[in-house]
């Protein structure tokens, strides 16, 4: 609808009508009319369409070079047998290279976006993991002690005793 109004205003101008008569009869401003006249005079085929309002640049976005550097440092650290691979280790390596590094949160966000953050599996001490899996025992906590309470099997009616 708006595009048709713009086209009509320019057609009326090309037919010789005065600009003031055009924009006053269309209930538009002088600035509006001359904006679209100027766009028409550029010669582009889509002069009557709105320009995109999205920004051309994002000043807070981390550059590709820095992203690639963070990812390559993380992968290098992962290849070392006993190296730490966290944010502080990445910052340390980047400092040794003499490169500026972003905040901890930004480094973590980049590493996570690349799929390099791995969740740790819950590790139980070896002596606790085997008996707990074999027995049906409920642990209840007291202030300073953990009490193991036997659970009665609903099918057989027998109970499993704890040590």
C-alpha atoms as a PDB file:
ATOM      1  CA  UNK A   1       0.000   0.000   0.000  1.00  0.00           C
ATOM      2  CA  UNK A   2       2.711   2.440   1.039  1.00  0.00           C
ATOM      3  CA  UNK A   3       4.781   1.555  -2.006  1.00  0.00           C
ATOM      4  CA  UNK A   4       1.859   2.421  -4.296  1.00  0.00           C
ATOM      5  CA  UNK A   5       1.513   5.850  -2.628  1.00  0.00           C
ATOM      6  CA  UNK A   6       5.217   6.500  -3.243  1.00  0.00           C
ATOM      7  CA  UNK A   7       4.902   5.516  -6.898  1.00  0.00           C
ATOM      8  CA  UNK A   8       1.824   7.731  -7.375  1.00  0.00           C
ATOM      9  CA  UNK A   9       3.601  10.736  -5.851  1.00  0.00           C
ATOM     10  CA  UNK A  10       6.497  10.370  -8.286  1.00  0.00           C
ATOM     11  CA  UNK A  11       4.154   9.821 -11.267  1.00  0.00           C
ATOM     12  CA  UNK A  12       2.317  13.030 -10.381  1.00  0.00           C
ATOM     13  CA  UNK A  13       5.649  14.865 -10.124  1.00  0.00           C
ATOM     14  CA  UNK A  14       6.745  13.540 -13.539  1.00  0.00           C
ATOM     15  CA  UNK A  15       3.437  14.772 -15.012  1.00  0.00           C
ATOM     16  CA  UNK A  16       4.420  18.299 -13.951  1.00  0.00           C
ATOM     17  CA  UNK A  17       2.532  18.777 -10.689  1.00  0.00           C
ATOM     18  CA  UNK A  18       4.255  20.914  -8.045  1.00  0.00           C
ATOM     19  CA  UNK A  19       5.824  19.045  -5.096  1.00  0.00           C
ATOM     20  CA  UNK A  20       3.923  21.077  -2.484  1.00  0.00           C
ATOM     21  CA  UNK A  21       0.560  20.207  -4.054  1.00  0.00           C
ATOM     22  CA  UNK A  22       1.527  16.518  -4.166  1.00  0.00           C
ATOM     23  CA  UNK A  23       2.652  16.063  -0.564  1.00  0.00           C
ATOM     24  CA  UNK A  24      -0.075  18.245   0.936  1.00  0.00           C
ATOM     25  CA  UNK A  25      -2.842  16.445  -0.958  1.00  0.00           C
ATOM     26  CA  UNK A  26      -1.399  13.075   0.136  1.00  0.00           C
ATOM     27  CA  UNK A  27      -1.038  14.205   3.791  1.00  0.00           C
ATOM     28  CA  UNK A  28       2.716  13.639   3.739  1.00  0.00           C
ATOM     29  CA  UNK A  29       5.643  15.808   4.729  1.00  0.00           C
ATOM     30  CA  UNK A  30       7.995  17.703   2.458  1.00  0.00           C
ATOM     31  CA  UNK A  31      10.849  15.546   3.774  1.00  0.00           C
ATOM     32  CA  UNK A  32       8.933  12.371   2.851  1.00  0.00           C
ATOM     33  CA  UNK A  33       8.333  13.512  -0.732  1.00  0.00           C
ATOM     34  CA  UNK A  34      11.917  14.561  -1.428  1.00  0.00           C
ATOM     35  CA  UNK A  35      13.268  11.389   0.167  1.00  0.00           C
ATOM     36  CA  UNK A  36      11.348   9.282  -2.346  1.00  0.00           C
ATOM     37  CA  UNK A  37      12.123  11.624  -5.246  1.00  0.00           C
ATOM     38  CA  UNK A  38      15.815  11.284  -4.451  1.00  0.00           C
ATOM     39  CA  UNK A  39      15.479   7.484  -4.302  1.00  0.00           C
ATOM     40  CA  UNK A  40      13.667   7.505  -7.666  1.00  0.00           C
ATOM     41  CA  UNK A  41      16.437   9.577  -9.220  1.00  0.00           C
ATOM     42  CA  UNK A  42      19.035   6.926  -8.300  1.00  0.00           C
ATOM     43  CA  UNK A  43      17.642   4.817 -11.156  1.00  0.00           C
ATOM     44  CA  UNK A  44      17.298   1.601  -9.141  1.00  0.00           C
ATOM     45  CA  UNK A  45      14.399  -0.665 -10.047  1.00  0.00           C
ATOM     46  CA  UNK A  46      13.325  -1.142  -6.414  1.00  0.00           C
ATOM     47  CA  UNK A  47      13.576   2.532  -5.382  1.00  0.00           C
ATOM     48  CA  UNK A  48      10.080   2.440  -3.851  1.00  0.00           C
ATOM     49  CA  UNK A  49      10.922  -0.316  -1.319  1.00  0.00           C
ATOM     50  CA  UNK A  50      12.094   0.317   2.225  1.00  0.00           C
ATOM     51  CA  UNK A  51      15.770  -0.150   3.038  1.00  0.00           C
ATOM     52  CA  UNK A  52      16.543  -2.866   5.568  1.00  0.00           C
ATOM     53  CA  UNK A  53      16.793  -1.560   9.118  1.00  0.00           C
ATOM     54  CA  UNK A  54      19.251  -4.152  10.345  1.00  0.00           C
ATOM     55  CA  UNK A  55      22.688  -2.836  11.258  1.00  0.00           C
ATOM     56  CA  UNK A  56      25.499  -3.359   8.768  1.00  0.00           C
ATOM     57  CA  UNK A  57      27.964  -4.334  11.493  1.00  0.00           C
ATOM     58  CA  UNK A  58      27.775  -5.812  14.976  1.00  0.00           C
ATOM     59  CA  UNK A  59      30.496  -4.064  17.003  1.00  0.00           C
ATOM     60  CA  UNK A  60      30.354  -6.495  19.930  1.00  0.00           C
ATOM     61  CA  UNK A  61      30.721  -9.672  17.856  1.00  0.00           C
ATOM     62  CA  UNK A  62      34.014 -11.509  18.231  1.00  0.00           C
ATOM     63  CA  UNK A  63      35.989 -11.584  14.994  1.00  0.00           C
ATOM     64  CA  UNK A  64      36.541 -14.784  13.004  1.00  0.00           C
ATOM     65  CA  UNK A  65      40.314 -14.647  13.522  1.00  0.00           C
ATOM     66  CA  UNK A  66      39.945 -14.538  17.282  1.00  0.00           C
ATOM     67  CA  UNK A  67      37.286 -17.283  17.267  1.00  0.00           C
ATOM     68  CA  UNK A  68      39.501 -19.553  15.150  1.00  0.00           C
ATOM     69  CA  UNK A  69      42.481 -18.850  17.418  1.00  0.00           C
ATOM     70  CA  UNK A  70      40.509 -19.755  20.568  1.00  0.00           C
ATOM     71  CA  UNK A  71      39.265 -22.987  18.969  1.00  0.00           C
ATOM     72  CA  UNK A  72      42.730 -23.980  17.724  1.00  0.00           C
ATOM     73  CA  UNK A  73      44.298 -23.287  21.141  1.00  0.00           C
ATOM     74  CA  UNK A  74      41.612 -25.415  22.815  1.00  0.00           C
ATOM     75  CA  UNK A  75      42.157 -28.287  20.370  1.00  0.00           C
ATOM     76  CA  UNK A  76      45.923 -28.055  20.882  1.00  0.00           C
ATOM     77  CA  UNK A  77      45.460 -28.219  24.657  1.00  0.00           C
ATOM     78  CA  UNK A  78      43.175 -31.250  24.312  1.00  0.00           C
ATOM     79  CA  UNK A  79      45.874 -33.069  22.329  1.00  0.00           C
ATOM     80  CA  UNK A  80      48.385 -32.657  25.178  1.00  0.00           C
ATOM     81  CA  UNK A  81      48.236 -35.611  27.604  1.00  0.00           C
ATOM     82  CA  UNK A  82      48.074 -33.784  30.964  1.00  0.00           C
ATOM     83  CA  UNK A  83      47.190 -30.239  29.952  1.00  0.00           C
ATOM     84  CA  UNK A  84      44.269 -28.322  31.381  1.00  0.00           C
ATOM     85  CA  UNK A  85      41.748 -27.214  28.766  1.00  0.00           C
ATOM     86  CA  UNK A  86      39.666 -24.610  30.594  1.00  0.00           C
ATOM     87  CA  UNK A  87      39.257 -20.897  29.997  1.00  0.00           C
ATOM     88  CA  UNK A  88      42.263 -19.949  32.145  1.00  0.00           C
ATOM     89  CA  UNK A  89      44.499 -22.363  30.203  1.00  0.00           C
ATOM     90  CA  UNK A  90      43.290 -20.907  26.899  1.00  0.00           C
ATOM     91  CA  UNK A  91      43.968 -17.368  28.153  1.00  0.00           C
ATOM     92  CA  UNK A  92      47.446 -18.441  29.329  1.00  0.00           C
ATOM     93  CA  UNK A  93      48.314 -19.860  25.911  1.00  0.00           C
ATOM     94  CA  UNK A  94      46.985 -16.767  24.134  1.00  0.00           C
ATOM     95  CA  UNK A  95      49.035 -14.552  26.455  1.00  0.00           C
ATOM     96  CA  UNK A  96      52.154 -16.576  25.592  1.00  0.00           C
ATOM     97  CA  UNK A  97      51.374 -15.953  21.915  1.00  0.00           C
ATOM     98  CA  UNK A  98      51.110 -12.224  22.608  1.00  0.00           C
ATOM     99  CA  UNK A  99      47.490 -12.024  21.468  1.00  0.00           C
ATOM    100  CA  UNK A 100      44.704 -10.077  23.160  1.00  0.00           C
ATOM    101  CA  UNK A 101      41.973 -12.280  24.542  1.00  0.00           C
ATOM    102  CA  UNK A 102      38.309 -11.601  25.333  1.00  0.00           C
ATOM    103  CA  UNK A 103      36.571 -12.126  28.666  1.00  0.00           C
ATOM    104  CA  UNK A 104      36.243 -15.548  30.299  1.00  0.00           C
ATOM    105  CA  UNK A 105      32.549 -15.714  29.446  1.00  0.00           C
ATOM    106  CA  UNK A 106      33.207 -14.957  25.774  1.00  0.00           C
ATOM    107  CA  UNK A 107      35.865 -17.670  25.550  1.00  0.00           C
ATOM    108  CA  UNK A 108      33.512 -20.158  27.204  1.00  0.00           C
ATOM    109  CA  UNK A 109      30.658 -19.195  24.864  1.00  0.00           C
ATOM    110  CA  UNK A 110      32.878 -19.691  21.779  1.00  0.00           C
ATOM    111  CA  UNK A 111      34.187 -23.058  22.993  1.00  0.00           C
ATOM    112  CA  UNK A 112      30.646 -24.198  23.816  1.00  0.00           C
ATOM    113  CA  UNK A 113      29.308 -23.051  20.428  1.00  0.00           C
ATOM    114  CA  UNK A 114      32.003 -25.124  18.708  1.00  0.00           C
ATOM    115  CA  UNK A 115      30.930 -28.206  20.675  1.00  0.00           C
ATOM    116  CA  UNK A 116      34.213 -28.549  22.544  1.00  0.00           C
ATOM    117  CA  UNK A 117      32.727 -28.527  26.063  1.00  0.00           C
ATOM    118  CA  UNK A 118      32.204 -32.040  27.313  1.00  0.00           C
ATOM    119  CA  UNK A 119      30.102 -32.953  30.323  1.00  0.00           C
ATOM    120  CA  UNK A 120      31.892 -34.916  32.990  1.00  0.00           C
ATOM    121  CA  UNK A 121      30.524 -38.283  33.978  1.00  0.00           C
ATOM    122  CA  UNK A 122      29.673 -38.660  37.650  1.00  0.00           C
ATOM    123  CA  UNK A 123      32.572 -40.583  39.141  1.00  0.00           C
ATOM    124  CA  UNK A 124      32.096 -42.619  42.300  1.00  0.00           C
ATOM    125  CA  UNK A 125      35.000 -44.104  44.241  1.00  0.00           C
ATOM    126  CA  UNK A 126      35.610 -47.656  43.045  1.00  0.00           C
ATOM    127  CA  UNK A 127      34.924 -49.277  46.423  1.00  0.00           C
ATOM    128  CA  UNK A 128      31.519 -47.536  46.673  1.00  0.00           C
ATOM    129  CA  UNK A 129      30.306 -47.999  43.118  1.00  0.00           C
ATOM    130  CA  UNK A 130      30.228 -51.796  42.939  1.00  0.00           C
ATOM    131  CA  UNK A 131      28.381 -52.665  46.208  1.00  0.00           C
ATOM    132  CA  UNK A 132      25.815 -49.880  45.743  1.00  0.00           C
ATOM    133  CA  UNK A 133      24.898 -51.171  42.305  1.00  0.00           C
ATOM    134  CA  UNK A 134      24.487 -54.752  43.572  1.00  0.00           C
ATOM    135  CA  UNK A 135      22.383 -54.002  46.646  1.00  0.00           C
ATOM    136  CA  UNK A 136      19.069 -52.275  47.007  1.00  0.00           C
ATOM    137  CA  UNK A 137      19.842 -49.884  49.841  1.00  0.00           C
ATOM    138  CA  UNK A 138      18.425 -46.463  50.684  1.00  0.00           C
ATOM    139  CA  UNK A 139      20.840 -43.977  52.222  1.00  0.00           C
ATOM    140  CA  UNK A 140      19.463 -41.571  54.823  1.00  0.00           C
ATOM    141  CA  UNK A 141      21.528 -38.734  56.208  1.00  0.00           C
ATOM    142  CA  UNK A 142      21.950 -37.715  59.779  1.00  0.00           C
ATOM    143  CA  UNK A 143      23.836 -34.594  60.825  1.00  0.00           C
ATOM    144  CA  UNK A 144      27.249 -36.268  60.694  1.00  0.00           C
ATOM    145  CA  UNK A 145      26.632 -39.847  59.536  1.00  0.00           C
ATOM    146  CA  UNK A 146      25.123 -41.668  56.608  1.00  0.00           C
ATOM    147  CA  UNK A 147      22.898 -44.518  57.691  1.00  0.00           C
ATOM    148  CA  UNK A 148      22.209 -47.393  55.330  1.00  0.00           C
ATOM    149  CA  UNK A 149      18.673 -48.640  55.758  1.00  0.00           C
ATOM    150  CA  UNK A 150      17.674 -52.035  54.311  1.00  0.00           C
ATOM    151  CA  UNK A 151      14.903 -51.957  51.732  1.00  0.00           C
ATOM    152  CA  UNK A 152      12.286 -54.730  51.780  1.00  0.00           C
ATOM    153  CA  UNK A 153      11.608 -56.374  48.436  1.00  0.00           C
ATOM    154  CA  UNK A 154       7.899 -56.074  47.613  1.00  0.00           C
ATOM    155  CA  UNK A 155       7.810 -59.305  45.601  1.00  0.00           C
ATOM    156  CA  UNK A 156       9.524 -61.788  47.936  1.00  0.00           C
ATOM    157  CA  UNK A 157       9.060 -60.031  51.252  1.00  0.00           C
ATOM    158  CA  UNK A 158      12.719 -60.547  52.094  1.00  0.00           C
ATOM    159  CA  UNK A 159      15.010 -57.755  53.113  1.00  0.00           C
ATOM    160  CA  UNK A 160      18.502 -56.902  51.992  1.00  0.00           C
ATOM    161  CA  UNK A 161      20.847 -56.123  54.859  1.00  0.00           C
ATOM    162  CA  UNK A 162      23.578 -53.554  54.791  1.00  0.00           C
ATOM    163  CA  UNK A 163      27.049 -53.906  56.171  1.00  0.00           C
END
